[in-house]
Amino acid sequence: MNSPTSQPRRKPKRQPSHSKDPGGKEFGQEKSQRSTKPSPNSKSSSSKSPSNKSPINKRQGLNKKRTGPQKPRPKVTPLSVAETQVVLLNKPFDVLCQFTDEGGRRTLKDLLPIAGIYAAGRLDRDSEGLLLLTNNGQLQAKLTQPNKHTFKTYWVQVEGDVDDTAIQALSQGIELKDGPTLPAKVRRLQQPESLWPRNPPIRERRNIPTTWLEICIREGRNRQVRRMTAHVGFPTLRLIRYAIGNLSLDTEQGQCLQPGEYRTLSEAAIKELLHD
């Protein structure tokens, strides 16, 4: 009996495995589902991609003018002359030019029982003299405007015998780190008769004389007078602001306000100040 010709046995094609995981899902099916299921973080093609907006476009959008109706700014009703208060105070040495201090140092609150007034301009803690306070915001801004160029007069005690060269330099204007100063009015001054003793007194050296100057400036830079006198070689030992414009420490009785004393302006004086 003839046997059929033996042929090589073909291996069957391997079918993809559809084994199940412990949860009952087939791994093959899960893979195909993952490939077709959209990512929860991806957005549809109809939505705009944030990458389409460049920073330039964003800035241009911010710079566009609003075309809709805008809310009108609330109008501030100016105080009348009768409602306006103006107080002139002789600020003592070592008092802060503010009403509160977390460090427990002396402030204007220790000197003034009047509420609702604020300083027009400042005076350093180690300086003395005239400080103007008011409850009128418009008047406060007017008195502190740099373009007004209101002259402020200081009595300055410096170390050394000031010569004419230094006075001329101060008068013409000197170059400070923040720029040149405007011309000033400077003259020698005898110690004012109405001057009060400072507490504590200044430290004077026996063999070095001191000189009193009257310096009038129309700027308001930080510690400007002290820097000016130091620049010409005569450090400031004591600084007193005597006047702001036509207002001074002098009272109507011809006396001088003492440290911690204050006076209020009359309605006539306030009216003149408002319309100046």
Protein backbone atom coordinates (compact mmCIF):
# COMPACT_ATOMS: atom_id res chain seq x y z
CA MET A 1 0.00 0.00 0.00
CA ASN A 2 1.39 3.20 -1.06
CA SER A 3 1.56 5.89 1.75
CA PRO A 4 0.78 9.48 0.85
CA THR A 5 3.63 11.78 0.35
CA SER A 6 4.56 13.40 3.68
CA GLN A 7 4.38 17.20 3.62
CA PRO A 8 5.82 19.61 6.18
CA ARG A 9 3.30 20.66 8.76
CA ARG A 10 2.48 24.38 8.64
CA LYS A 11 2.34 26.28 11.83
CA PRO A 12 -1.04 27.93 12.37
CA LYS A 13 -1.08 31.75 12.38
CA ARG A 14 -0.99 33.12 15.82
CA GLN A 15 -4.14 34.97 16.67
CA PRO A 16 -3.99 38.05 18.84
CA SER A 17 -4.38 37.26 22.45
CA HIS A 18 -7.62 38.32 24.06
CA SER A 19 -6.82 37.17 27.50
CA LYS A 20 -8.75 38.72 30.27
CA ASP A 21 -7.50 40.68 33.20
CA PRO A 22 -8.77 39.93 36.66
CA GLY A 23 -11.53 42.47 36.12
CA GLY A 24 -12.90 40.64 33.09
CA LYS A 25 -11.71 43.02 30.36
CA GLU A 26 -9.76 41.76 27.46
CA PHE A 27 -6.35 43.34 27.10
CA GLY A 28 -6.56 43.62 23.32
CA GLN A 29 -9.89 45.36 23.46
CA GLU A 30 -8.72 47.72 26.18
CA LYS A 31 -5.74 48.78 24.07
CA SER A 32 -7.92 49.57 21.06
CA GLN A 33 -10.32 51.48 23.26
CA ARG A 34 -7.49 53.54 24.70
CA SER A 35 -6.24 54.47 21.26
CA THR A 36 -9.65 55.77 20.13
CA LYS A 37 -10.84 57.35 23.38
CA PRO A 38 -10.06 61.09 23.47
CA SER A 39 -7.94 62.38 26.30
CA PRO A 40 -9.95 64.23 28.97
CA ASN A 41 -7.38 67.06 28.81
CA SER A 42 -7.63 67.51 25.05
CA LYS A 43 -10.09 70.00 23.57
CA SER A 44 -12.19 69.46 20.48
CA SER A 45 -11.07 70.92 17.21
CA SER A 46 -13.91 73.44 17.35
CA SER A 47 -12.50 75.06 20.49
CA LYS A 48 -9.82 77.69 20.17
CA SER A 49 -6.36 76.68 21.29
CA PRO A 50 -4.73 79.08 23.75
CA SER A 51 -1.55 78.84 21.67
CA ASN A 52 -3.31 80.83 18.95
CA LYS A 53 -3.19 83.90 21.18
CA SER A 54 0.25 85.43 21.28
CA PRO A 55 1.36 87.75 24.12
CA ILE A 56 1.33 90.61 21.61
CA ASN A 57 -2.33 90.00 20.84
CA LYS A 58 -3.11 89.91 24.53
CA ARG A 59 -1.39 93.23 25.12
CA GLN A 60 -3.18 94.75 22.17
CA GLY A 61 -6.46 93.59 23.61
CA LEU A 62 -5.66 95.19 26.94
CA ASN A 63 -4.79 98.45 25.26
CA LYS A 64 -8.10 98.71 23.45
CA LYS A 65 -10.27 101.58 24.60
CA ARG A 66 -13.53 100.72 26.21
CA THR A 67 -16.42 101.75 24.06
CA GLY A 68 -19.14 101.09 26.60
CA PRO A 69 -20.44 103.58 29.15
CA GLN A 70 -18.03 104.30 31.99
CA LYS A 71 -18.92 105.05 35.56
CA PRO A 72 -18.39 108.70 36.42
CA ARG A 73 -15.84 109.41 39.11
CA PRO A 74 -17.30 110.61 42.37
CA LYS A 75 -16.93 114.33 42.76
CA VAL A 76 -15.22 115.56 45.91
CA THR A 77 -16.99 118.58 47.28
CA PRO A 78 -14.37 121.13 48.34
CA LEU A 79 -14.56 122.40 51.89
CA SER A 80 -15.69 125.94 52.41
CA VAL A 81 -13.61 128.52 54.21
CA ALA A 82 -15.73 128.06 57.33
CA GLU A 83 -15.17 124.28 57.26
CA THR A 84 -11.42 124.48 56.62
CA GLN A 85 -9.01 124.22 59.53
CA VAL A 86 -5.37 125.27 59.33
CA VAL A 87 -3.06 124.71 62.28
CA LEU A 88 0.49 126.03 62.69
CA LEU A 89 2.56 123.89 65.06
CA ASN A 90 6.08 124.28 66.39
CA LYS A 91 7.23 120.67 66.17
CA PRO A 92 9.80 119.86 68.85
CA PHE A 93 12.97 117.86 68.31
CA ASP A 94 12.58 114.04 68.41
CA VAL A 95 8.90 114.04 67.41
CA LEU A 96 7.73 112.08 64.36
CA CYS A 97 5.77 113.95 61.71
CA GLN A 98 2.85 111.49 61.93
CA PHE A 99 0.03 110.58 64.31
CA THR A 100 0.82 106.91 65.01
CA ASP A 101 3.95 104.87 65.60
CA GLU A 102 4.24 101.17 66.42
CA GLY A 103 7.57 101.78 68.13
CA GLY A 104 6.05 103.97 70.85
CA ARG A 105 7.95 107.10 69.84
CA ARG A 106 6.49 110.57 70.26
CA THR A 107 4.14 111.65 67.49
CA LEU A 108 1.88 114.58 66.63
CA LYS A 109 -0.91 112.88 68.55
CA ASP A 110 0.94 113.72 71.76
CA LEU A 111 0.78 117.42 70.89
CA LEU A 112 -2.48 118.06 69.03
CA PRO A 113 -5.98 117.28 70.35
CA ILE A 114 -7.53 118.18 66.97
CA ALA A 115 -8.80 115.27 64.88
CA GLY A 116 -9.02 115.02 61.11
CA ILE A 117 -6.04 117.20 60.20
CA TYR A 118 -2.95 116.13 58.29
CA ALA A 119 0.48 117.60 57.67
CA ALA A 120 1.08 119.55 54.47
CA GLY A 121 4.72 118.63 53.93
CA ARG A 122 7.06 116.91 56.33
CA LEU A 123 9.71 117.76 58.87
CA ASP A 124 12.38 115.26 59.89
CA ARG A 125 12.38 113.78 63.36
CA ASP A 126 15.66 115.53 64.22
CA SER A 127 14.43 118.88 62.86
CA GLU A 128 12.30 121.48 64.64
CA GLY A 129 9.96 124.29 63.79
CA LEU A 130 6.94 125.14 61.69
CA LEU A 131 4.61 122.40 60.55
CA LEU A 132 1.36 123.23 58.76
CA LEU A 133 -1.63 120.92 59.16
CA THR A 134 -5.09 121.08 57.59
CA ASN A 135 -8.28 119.09 57.02
CA ASN A 136 -8.63 120.46 53.48
CA GLY A 137 -7.18 117.97 51.00
CA GLN A 138 -7.12 120.42 48.12
CA LEU A 139 -5.25 122.98 50.20
CA GLN A 140 -2.83 120.30 51.37
CA ALA A 141 -2.06 119.34 47.75
CA LYS A 142 -1.72 122.99 46.76
CA LEU A 143 0.81 123.74 49.48
CA THR A 144 2.96 120.73 48.60
CA GLN A 145 3.00 121.10 44.81
CA PRO A 146 6.62 121.31 43.60
CA ASN A 147 5.75 123.73 40.79
CA LYS A 148 4.49 126.28 43.31
CA HIS A 149 8.09 126.94 44.39
CA THR A 150 6.99 128.22 47.78
CA PHE A 151 9.99 129.49 49.72
CA LYS A 152 10.68 127.82 53.06
CA THR A 153 12.91 129.64 55.52
CA TYR A 154 15.25 127.75 57.86
CA TRP A 155 17.40 128.80 60.78
CA VAL A 156 20.48 126.62 60.57
CA GLN A 157 23.28 126.27 63.09
CA VAL A 158 26.38 124.78 61.46
CA GLU A 159 29.77 123.73 62.73
CA GLY A 160 32.60 126.10 61.81
CA ASP A 161 33.03 129.72 60.79
CA VAL A 162 31.23 130.01 57.45
CA ASP A 163 33.11 132.09 54.87
CA ASP A 164 31.84 134.07 51.90
CA THR A 165 32.86 131.37 49.46
CA ALA A 166 30.53 128.86 51.08
CA ILE A 167 27.65 131.35 51.21
CA GLN A 168 28.12 132.16 47.53
CA ALA A 169 28.15 128.48 46.61
CA LEU A 170 24.96 127.81 48.57
CA SER A 171 23.29 130.85 47.00
CA GLN A 172 24.16 129.93 43.43
CA GLY A 173 23.28 126.25 43.76
CA ILE A 174 25.47 123.22 44.30
CA GLU A 175 25.67 119.75 42.77
CA LEU A 176 24.23 117.02 44.98
CA LYS A 177 23.92 113.31 44.20
CA ASP A 178 20.33 113.79 43.03
CA GLY A 179 21.16 116.80 40.87
CA PRO A 180 21.93 120.50 41.22
CA THR A 181 19.98 122.62 43.66
CA LEU A 182 18.12 125.74 42.66
CA PRO A 183 19.55 129.10 43.72
CA ALA A 184 18.83 129.86 47.37
CA LYS A 185 18.78 132.91 49.61
CA VAL A 186 21.53 132.60 52.21
CA ARG A 187 22.82 135.05 54.80
CA ARG A 188 24.57 135.00 58.15
CA LEU A 189 22.33 135.35 61.15
CA GLN A 190 22.82 136.27 64.74
CA GLN A 191 21.31 133.74 67.12
CA PRO A 192 17.59 134.59 67.14
CA GLU A 193 16.41 136.24 70.35
CA SER A 194 13.25 134.15 70.41
CA LEU A 195 15.20 130.92 70.09
CA TRP A 196 14.34 128.23 72.65
CA PRO A 197 16.82 125.74 74.14
CA ARG A 198 16.80 122.35 72.48
CA ASN A 199 16.20 119.24 74.54
CA PRO A 200 18.65 117.53 74.42
CA PRO A 201 21.17 120.24 73.55
CA ILE A 202 23.45 119.92 70.53
CA ARG A 203 26.99 118.58 70.92
CA GLU A 204 29.41 121.46 70.54
CA ARG A 205 33.18 121.13 70.47
CA ARG A 206 34.99 123.70 72.56
CA ASN A 207 37.64 124.75 70.07
CA ILE A 208 35.34 124.88 67.03
CA PRO A 209 32.95 127.84 66.63
CA THR A 210 29.43 127.60 65.22
CA THR A 211 27.59 129.86 62.81
CA TRP A 212 23.88 130.61 62.38
CA LEU A 213 22.57 130.91 58.82
CA GLU A 214 19.21 131.81 57.34
CA ILE A 215 18.61 129.64 54.29
CA CYS A 216 15.54 130.04 52.05
CA ILE A 217 14.91 127.29 49.50
CA ARG A 218 12.00 126.54 47.18
CA GLU A 219 12.56 122.80 46.88
CA GLY A 220 11.61 119.94 49.14
CA ARG A 221 14.21 117.22 48.69
CA ASN A 222 14.99 114.74 51.42
CA ARG A 223 17.26 116.38 54.04
CA GLN A 224 18.28 118.96 51.48
CA VAL A 225 19.54 121.72 53.79
CA ARG A 226 21.70 119.30 55.76
CA ARG A 227 23.23 117.92 52.57
CA MET A 228 23.84 121.42 51.21
CA THR A 229 25.78 122.64 54.24
CA ALA A 230 27.75 119.39 54.48
CA HIS A 231 28.68 119.70 50.80
CA VAL A 232 30.42 123.06 51.41
CA GLY A 233 32.18 121.73 54.51
CA PHE A 234 29.94 122.95 57.35
CA PRO A 235 27.82 120.16 58.89
CA THR A 236 24.42 121.12 60.29
CA LEU A 237 24.09 120.88 64.06
CA ARG A 238 20.57 122.23 64.44
CA LEU A 239 17.81 122.85 61.91
CA ILE A 240 14.66 124.92 62.54
CA ARG A 241 12.03 125.73 59.94
CA TYR A 242 10.91 129.25 60.67
CA ALA A 243 8.49 130.00 57.82
CA ILE A 244 6.54 128.56 54.88
CA GLY A 245 5.78 131.38 52.49
CA ASN A 246 4.19 134.18 54.50
CA LEU A 247 3.29 131.89 57.43
CA SER A 248 5.81 131.74 60.27
CA LEU A 249 6.27 130.77 63.90
CA ASP A 250 5.50 134.34 64.94
CA THR A 251 2.14 134.92 66.58
CA GLU A 252 -0.16 137.90 66.12
CA GLN A 253 1.15 139.25 69.41
CA GLY A 254 4.68 139.37 68.00
CA GLN A 255 5.89 136.41 70.02
CA CYS A 256 7.21 133.08 68.80
CA LEU A 257 5.49 129.73 69.23
CA GLN A 258 7.37 127.57 71.69
CA PRO A 259 8.01 123.84 71.10
CA GLY A 260 4.70 121.95 71.21
CA GLU A 261 2.59 125.11 70.95
CA TYR A 262 0.22 125.72 68.05
CA ARG A 263 -2.23 128.29 66.75
CA THR A 264 -5.12 128.18 64.28
CA LEU A 265 -5.54 130.53 61.35
CA SER A 266 -8.49 132.90 61.16
CA GLU A 267 -11.08 132.63 58.38
CA ALA A 268 -9.61 135.70 56.71
CA ALA A 269 -6.13 134.15 56.66
CA ILE A 270 -7.53 130.84 55.36
CA LYS A 271 -9.43 132.62 52.60
CA GLU A 272 -6.27 134.40 51.53
CA LEU A 273 -4.38 131.08 51.58
CA LEU A 274 -6.99 129.30 49.47
CA HIS A 275 -7.12 131.99 46.80
CA ASP A 276 -3.39 132.70 46.68
